[in-house]
Amino acid sequence: MLTRRRFKQTRTLNERLADEAARCREEARALAPGRRRERLLRQARQDETAMQIETWLRSPGLRAPT
């Protein structure tokens, strides 16, 4: 039977997403306008949106639908 390799995350999801968004924006800043730059900027926006969603999901005011 195959076993999954598991490891404990040392940083929170928001920290990892923020680092990835910053890395993408920094890399995009160094590139000339084009597909690669637009792809990096899109990924940075998606990471930031994921951070907002994750924060919303963990908010104490969120309740399960009834």
PDB file of N, CA and C in Angstrom:
ATOM      1  N   MET A   1       0.833  -1.174   0.000  1.00  0.00           N
ATOM      2  CA  MET A   1       0.000   0.000   0.000  1.00  0.00           C
ATOM      3  C   MET A   1       0.886   1.248   0.000  1.00  0.00           C
ATOM      4  N   LEU A   2       0.516   2.223  -0.800  1.00  0.00           N
ATOM      5  CA  LEU A   2       1.258   3.473  -0.852  1.00  0.00           C
ATOM      6  C   LEU A   2       0.873   4.351   0.324  1.00  0.00           C
ATOM      7  N   THR A   3       1.855   4.976   0.919  1.00  0.00           N
ATOM      8  CA  THR A   3       1.572   5.901   2.007  1.00  0.00           C
ATOM      9  C   THR A   3       1.850   7.316   1.533  1.00  0.00           C
ATOM     10  N   ARG A   4       1.057   8.224   2.034  1.00  0.00           N
ATOM     11  CA  ARG A   4       1.243   9.622   1.681  1.00  0.00           C
ATOM     12  C   ARG A   4       2.361  10.217   2.515  1.00  0.00           C
ATOM     13  N   ARG A   5       3.174  11.038   1.873  1.00  0.00           N
ATOM     14  CA  ARG A   5       4.190  11.761   2.619  1.00  0.00           C
ATOM     15  C   ARG A   5       3.522  13.006   3.191  1.00  0.00           C
ATOM     16  N   ARG A   6       3.516  13.124   4.487  1.00  0.00           N
ATOM     17  CA  ARG A   6       2.859  14.255   5.139  1.00  0.00           C
ATOM     18  C   ARG A   6       3.895  15.082   5.879  1.00  0.00           C
ATOM     19  N   PHE A   7       3.645  16.358   5.949  1.00  0.00           N
ATOM     20  CA  PHE A   7       4.510  17.212   6.745  1.00  0.00           C
ATOM     21  C   PHE A   7       3.685  18.355   7.297  1.00  0.00           C
ATOM     22  N   LYS A   8       4.102  18.843   8.429  1.00  0.00           N
ATOM     23  CA  LYS A   8       3.400  19.921   9.116  1.00  0.00           C
ATOM     24  C   LYS A   8       3.864  21.256   8.540  1.00  0.00           C
ATOM     25  N   GLN A   9       2.921  22.101   8.192  1.00  0.00           N
ATOM     26  CA  GLN A   9       3.259  23.422   7.691  1.00  0.00           C
ATOM     27  C   GLN A   9       3.780  24.271   8.849  1.00  0.00           C
ATOM     28  N   THR A  10       4.868  24.966   8.630  1.00  0.00           N
ATOM     29  CA  THR A  10       5.441  25.796   9.684  1.00  0.00           C
ATOM     30  C   THR A  10       4.929  27.229   9.620  1.00  0.00           C
ATOM     31  N   ARG A  11       4.360  27.621   8.493  1.00  0.00           N
ATOM     32  CA  ARG A  11       3.804  28.961   8.347  1.00  0.00           C
ATOM     33  C   ARG A  11       2.338  28.858   7.967  1.00  0.00           C
ATOM     34  N   THR A  12       1.575  29.892   8.279  1.00  0.00           N
ATOM     35  CA  THR A  12       0.150  29.870   7.974  1.00  0.00           C
ATOM     36  C   THR A  12      -0.075  30.011   6.473  1.00  0.00           C
ATOM     37  N   LEU A  13      -1.281  29.655   6.056  1.00  0.00           N
ATOM     38  CA  LEU A  13      -1.644  29.777   4.645  1.00  0.00           C
ATOM     39  C   LEU A  13      -1.538  31.224   4.199  1.00  0.00           C
ATOM     40  N   ASN A  14      -2.013  32.160   5.022  1.00  0.00           N
ATOM     41  CA  ASN A  14      -1.938  33.577   4.647  1.00  0.00           C
ATOM     42  C   ASN A  14      -0.494  34.034   4.460  1.00  0.00           C
ATOM     43  N   GLU A  15       0.410  33.567   5.304  1.00  0.00           N
ATOM     44  CA  GLU A  15       1.816  33.937   5.159  1.00  0.00           C
ATOM     45  C   GLU A  15       2.392  33.404   3.848  1.00  0.00           C
ATOM     46  N   ARG A  16       2.081  32.165   3.542  1.00  0.00           N
ATOM     47  CA  ARG A  16       2.586  31.572   2.302  1.00  0.00           C
ATOM     48  C   ARG A  16       2.006  32.272   1.076  1.00  0.00           C
ATOM     49  N   LEU A  17       0.706  32.599   1.118  1.00  0.00           N
ATOM     50  CA  LEU A  17       0.085  33.296  -0.009  1.00  0.00           C
ATOM     51  C   LEU A  17       0.659  34.705  -0.174  1.00  0.00           C
ATOM     52  N   ALA A  18       0.882  35.402   0.934  1.00  0.00           N
ATOM     53  CA  ALA A  18       1.441  36.757   0.874  1.00  0.00           C
ATOM     54  C   ALA A  18       2.849  36.723   0.276  1.00  0.00           C
ATOM     55  N   ASP A  19       3.656  35.758   0.682  1.00  0.00           N
ATOM     56  CA  ASP A  19       5.010  35.635   0.139  1.00  0.00           C
ATOM     57  C   ASP A  19       4.973  35.336  -1.354  1.00  0.00           C
ATOM     58  N   GLU A  20       4.075  34.453  -1.754  1.00  0.00           N
ATOM     59  CA  GLU A  20       3.973  34.100  -3.171  1.00  0.00           C
ATOM     60  C   GLU A  20       3.506  35.300  -4.001  1.00  0.00           C
ATOM     61  N   ALA A  21       2.531  36.068  -3.484  1.00  0.00           N
ATOM     62  CA  ALA A  21       2.045  37.254  -4.195  1.00  0.00           C
ATOM     63  C   ALA A  21       3.161  38.284  -4.330  1.00  0.00           C
ATOM     64  N   ALA A  22       3.918  38.490  -3.266  1.00  0.00           N
ATOM     65  CA  ALA A  22       5.025  39.455  -3.311  1.00  0.00           C
ATOM     66  C   ALA A  22       6.100  38.988  -4.295  1.00  0.00           C
ATOM     67  N   ARG A  23       6.398  37.697  -4.290  1.00  0.00           N
ATOM     68  CA  ARG A  23       7.402  37.156  -5.210  1.00  0.00           C
ATOM     69  C   ARG A  23       6.963  37.357  -6.660  1.00  0.00           C
ATOM     70  N   CYS A  24       5.691  37.075  -6.945  1.00  0.00           N
ATOM     71  CA  CYS A  24       5.166  37.233  -8.306  1.00  0.00           C
ATOM     72  C   CYS A  24       5.218  38.690  -8.745  1.00  0.00           C
ATOM     73  N   ARG A  25       4.814  39.600  -7.867  1.00  0.00           N
ATOM     74  CA  ARG A  25       4.834  41.022  -8.217  1.00  0.00           C
ATOM     75  C   ARG A  25       6.265  41.513  -8.444  1.00  0.00           C
ATOM     76  N   GLU A  26       7.191  41.069  -7.603  1.00  0.00           N
ATOM     77  CA  GLU A  26       8.592  41.473  -7.754  1.00  0.00           C
ATOM     78  C   GLU A  26       9.171  40.955  -9.069  1.00  0.00           C
ATOM     79  N   GLU A  27       8.871  39.712  -9.401  1.00  0.00           N
ATOM     80  CA  GLU A  27       9.358  39.136 -10.655  1.00  0.00           C
ATOM     81  C   GLU A  27       8.727  39.858 -11.848  1.00  0.00           C
ATOM     82  N   ALA A  28       7.434  40.180 -11.747  1.00  0.00           N
ATOM     83  CA  ALA A  28       6.744  40.865 -12.842  1.00  0.00           C
ATOM     84  C   ALA A  28       7.300  42.271 -13.038  1.00  0.00           C
ATOM     85  N   ARG A  29       7.700  42.915 -11.945  1.00  0.00           N
ATOM     86  CA  ARG A  29       8.236  44.274 -12.029  1.00  0.00           C
ATOM     87  C   ARG A  29       9.510  44.312 -12.878  1.00  0.00           C
ATOM     88  N   ALA A  30      10.257  43.219 -12.869  1.00  0.00           N
ATOM     89  CA  ALA A  30      11.525  43.174 -13.603  1.00  0.00           C
ATOM     90  C   ALA A  30      11.342  42.838 -15.084  1.00  0.00           C
ATOM     91  N   LEU A  31      10.137  42.403 -15.467  1.00  0.00           N
ATOM     92  CA  LEU A  31       9.902  41.983 -16.844  1.00  0.00           C
ATOM     93  C   LEU A  31       9.289  43.104 -17.678  1.00  0.00           C
ATOM     94  N   ALA A  32       9.506  43.019 -18.973  1.00  0.00           N
ATOM     95  CA  ALA A  32       8.860  43.931 -19.912  1.00  0.00           C
ATOM     96  C   ALA A  32       7.407  43.468 -20.094  1.00  0.00           C
ATOM     97  N   PRO A  33       6.513  44.371 -20.511  1.00  0.00           N
ATOM     98  CA  PRO A  33       5.130  43.960 -20.730  1.00  0.00           C
ATOM     99  C   PRO A  33       5.054  42.772 -21.686  1.00  0.00           C
ATOM    100  N   GLY A  34       4.193  41.830 -21.332  1.00  0.00           N
ATOM    101  CA  GLY A  34       4.045  40.636 -22.154  1.00  0.00           C
ATOM    102  C   GLY A  34       3.254  39.574 -21.409  1.00  0.00           C
ATOM    103  N   ARG A  35       3.161  38.401 -22.031  1.00  0.00           N
ATOM    104  CA  ARG A  35       2.359  37.321 -21.462  1.00  0.00           C
ATOM    105  C   ARG A  35       2.873  36.850 -20.105  1.00  0.00           C
ATOM    106  N   ARG A  36       4.182  36.684 -19.997  1.00  0.00           N
ATOM    107  CA  ARG A  36       4.753  36.192 -18.732  1.00  0.00           C
ATOM    108  C   ARG A  36       4.461  37.153 -17.585  1.00  0.00           C
ATOM    109  N   ARG A  37       4.624  38.461 -17.862  1.00  0.00           N
ATOM    110  CA  ARG A  37       4.355  39.465 -16.834  1.00  0.00           C
ATOM    111  C   ARG A  37       2.882  39.464 -16.433  1.00  0.00           C
ATOM    112  N   GLU A  38       1.999  39.404 -17.408  1.00  0.00           N
ATOM    113  CA  GLU A  38       0.564  39.387 -17.114  1.00  0.00           C
ATOM    114  C   GLU A  38       0.184  38.142 -16.317  1.00  0.00           C
ATOM    115  N   ARG A  39       0.799  37.008 -16.642  1.00  0.00           N
ATOM    116  CA  ARG A  39       0.516  35.769 -15.915  1.00  0.00           C
ATOM    117  C   ARG A  39       0.950  35.895 -14.448  1.00  0.00           C
ATOM    118  N   LEU A  40       2.103  36.513 -14.221  1.00  0.00           N
ATOM    119  CA  LEU A  40       2.586  36.697 -12.855  1.00  0.00           C
ATOM    120  C   LEU A  40       1.684  37.645 -12.073  1.00  0.00           C
ATOM    121  N   LEU A  41       1.246  38.723 -12.712  1.00  0.00           N
ATOM    122  CA  LEU A  41       0.356  39.672 -12.037  1.00  0.00           C
ATOM    123  C   LEU A  41      -0.997  39.030 -11.731  1.00  0.00           C
ATOM    124  N   ARG A  42      -1.488  38.200 -12.653  1.00  0.00           N
ATOM    125  CA  ARG A  42      -2.746  37.493 -12.421  1.00  0.00           C
ATOM    126  C   ARG A  42      -2.604  36.542 -11.241  1.00  0.00           C
ATOM    127  N   GLN A  43      -1.483  35.837 -11.159  1.00  0.00           N
ATOM    128  CA  GLN A  43      -1.250  34.916 -10.050  1.00  0.00           C
ATOM    129  C   GLN A  43      -1.176  35.674  -8.721  1.00  0.00           C
ATOM    130  N   ALA A  44      -0.552  36.842  -8.723  1.00  0.00           N
ATOM    131  CA  ALA A  44      -0.465  37.661  -7.511  1.00  0.00           C
ATOM    132  C   ALA A  44      -1.873  38.082  -7.063  1.00  0.00           C
ATOM    133  N   ARG A  45      -2.711  38.487  -8.011  1.00  0.00           N
ATOM    134  CA  ARG A  45      -4.090  38.871  -7.660  1.00  0.00           C
ATOM    135  C   ARG A  45      -4.870  37.682  -7.115  1.00  0.00           C
ATOM    136  N   GLN A  46      -4.673  36.510  -7.712  1.00  0.00           N
ATOM    137  CA  GLN A  46      -5.364  35.309  -7.222  1.00  0.00           C
ATOM    138  C   GLN A  46      -4.906  34.959  -5.815  1.00  0.00           C
ATOM    139  N   ASP A  47      -3.626  35.097  -5.550  1.00  0.00           N
ATOM    140  CA  ASP A  47      -3.116  34.832  -4.200  1.00  0.00           C
ATOM    141  C   ASP A  47      -3.725  35.799  -3.190  1.00  0.00           C
ATOM    142  N   GLU A  48      -3.829  37.067  -3.562  1.00  0.00           N
ATOM    143  CA  GLU A  48      -4.412  38.060  -2.663  1.00  0.00           C
ATOM    144  C   GLU A  48      -5.899  37.787  -2.433  1.00  0.00           C
ATOM    145  N   THR A  49      -6.605  37.368  -3.462  1.00  0.00           N
ATOM    146  CA  THR A  49      -8.019  37.017  -3.312  1.00  0.00           C
ATOM    147  C   THR A  49      -8.162  35.801  -2.401  1.00  0.00           C
ATOM    148  N   ALA A  50      -7.293  34.824  -2.571  1.00  0.00           N
ATOM    149  CA  ALA A  50      -7.323  33.635  -1.716  1.00  0.00           C
ATOM    150  C   ALA A  50      -7.067  34.015  -0.267  1.00  0.00           C
ATOM    151  N   MET A  51      -6.183  34.995  -0.033  1.00  0.00           N
ATOM    152  CA  MET A  51      -5.928  35.457   1.335  1.00  0.00           C
ATOM    153  C   MET A  51      -7.195  36.061   1.939  1.00  0.00           C
ATOM    154  N   GLN A  52      -7.903  36.864   1.151  1.00  0.00           N
ATOM    155  CA  GLN A  52      -9.127  37.492   1.639  1.00  0.00           C
ATOM    156  C   GLN A  52     -10.192  36.444   1.940  1.00  0.00           C
ATOM    157  N   ILE A  53     -10.340  35.463   1.076  1.00  0.00           N
ATOM    158  CA  ILE A  53     -11.330  34.401   1.279  1.00  0.00           C
ATOM    159  C   ILE A  53     -10.986  33.592   2.516  1.00  0.00           C
ATOM    160  N   GLU A  54      -9.706  33.252   2.682  1.00  0.00           N
ATOM    161  CA  GLU A  54      -9.287  32.468   3.834  1.00  0.00           C
ATOM    162  C   GLU A  54      -9.531  33.238   5.125  1.00  0.00           C
ATOM    163  N   THR A  55      -9.272  34.535   5.122  1.00  0.00           N
ATOM    164  CA  THR A  55      -9.537  35.371   6.288  1.00  0.00           C
ATOM    165  C   THR A  55     -11.031  35.408   6.583  1.00  0.00           C
ATOM    166  N   TRP A  56     -11.838  35.541   5.552  1.00  0.00           N
ATOM    167  CA  TRP A  56     -13.289  35.566   5.726  1.00  0.00           C
ATOM    168  C   TRP A  56     -13.787  34.235   6.292  1.00  0.00           C
ATOM    169  N   LEU A  57     -13.259  33.133   5.771  1.00  0.00           N
ATOM    170  CA  LEU A  57     -13.698  31.820   6.253  1.00  0.00           C
ATOM    171  C   LEU A  57     -13.331  31.588   7.707  1.00  0.00           C
ATOM    172  N   ARG A  58     -12.241  32.170   8.167  1.00  0.00           N
ATOM    173  CA  ARG A  58     -11.809  31.988   9.554  1.00  0.00           C
ATOM    174  C   ARG A  58     -12.392  33.032  10.497  1.00  0.00           C
ATOM    175  N   SER A  59     -13.159  33.975   9.978  1.00  0.00           N
ATOM    176  CA  SER A  59     -13.703  35.027  10.826  1.00  0.00           C
ATOM    177  C   SER A  59     -14.713  34.447  11.814  1.00  0.00           C
ATOM    178  N   PRO A  60     -14.759  34.999  13.014  1.00  0.00           N
ATOM    179  CA  PRO A  60     -15.652  34.452  14.034  1.00  0.00           C
ATOM    180  C   PRO A  60     -17.132  34.678  13.731  1.00  0.00           C
ATOM    181  N   GLY A  61     -17.458  35.655  12.897  1.00  0.00           N
ATOM    182  CA  GLY A  61     -18.845  35.940  12.578  1.00  0.00           C
ATOM    183  C   GLY A  61     -19.462  34.996  11.571  1.00  0.00           C
ATOM    184  N   LEU A  62     -18.648  34.174  10.939  1.00  0.00           N
ATOM    185  CA  LEU A  62     -19.143  33.266   9.923  1.00  0.00           C
ATOM    186  C   LEU A  62     -19.889  32.104  10.579  1.00  0.00           C
ATOM    187  N   ARG A  63     -21.099  31.850  10.110  1.00  0.00           N
ATOM    188  CA  ARG A  63     -21.894  30.743  10.650  1.00  0.00           C
ATOM    189  C   ARG A  63     -22.303  29.813   9.527  1.00  0.00           C
ATOM    190  N   ALA A  64     -22.501  28.577   9.873  1.00  0.00           N
ATOM    191  CA  ALA A  64     -22.944  27.595   8.887  1.00  0.00           C
ATOM    192  C   ALA A  64     -24.369  27.914   8.452  1.00  0.00           C
ATOM    193  N   PRO A  65     -24.703  27.664   7.186  1.00  0.00           N
ATOM    194  CA  PRO A  65     -26.081  27.901   6.744  1.00  0.00           C
ATOM    195  C   PRO A  65     -27.048  26.954   7.447  1.00  0.00           C
ATOM    196  N   THR A  66     -28.238  27.446   7.710  1.00  0.00           N
ATOM    197  CA  THR A  66     -29.248  26.604   8.381  1.00  0.00           C
ATOM    198  C   THR A  66     -30.419  26.327   7.475  1.00  0.00           C
TER     199      THR A  66
END
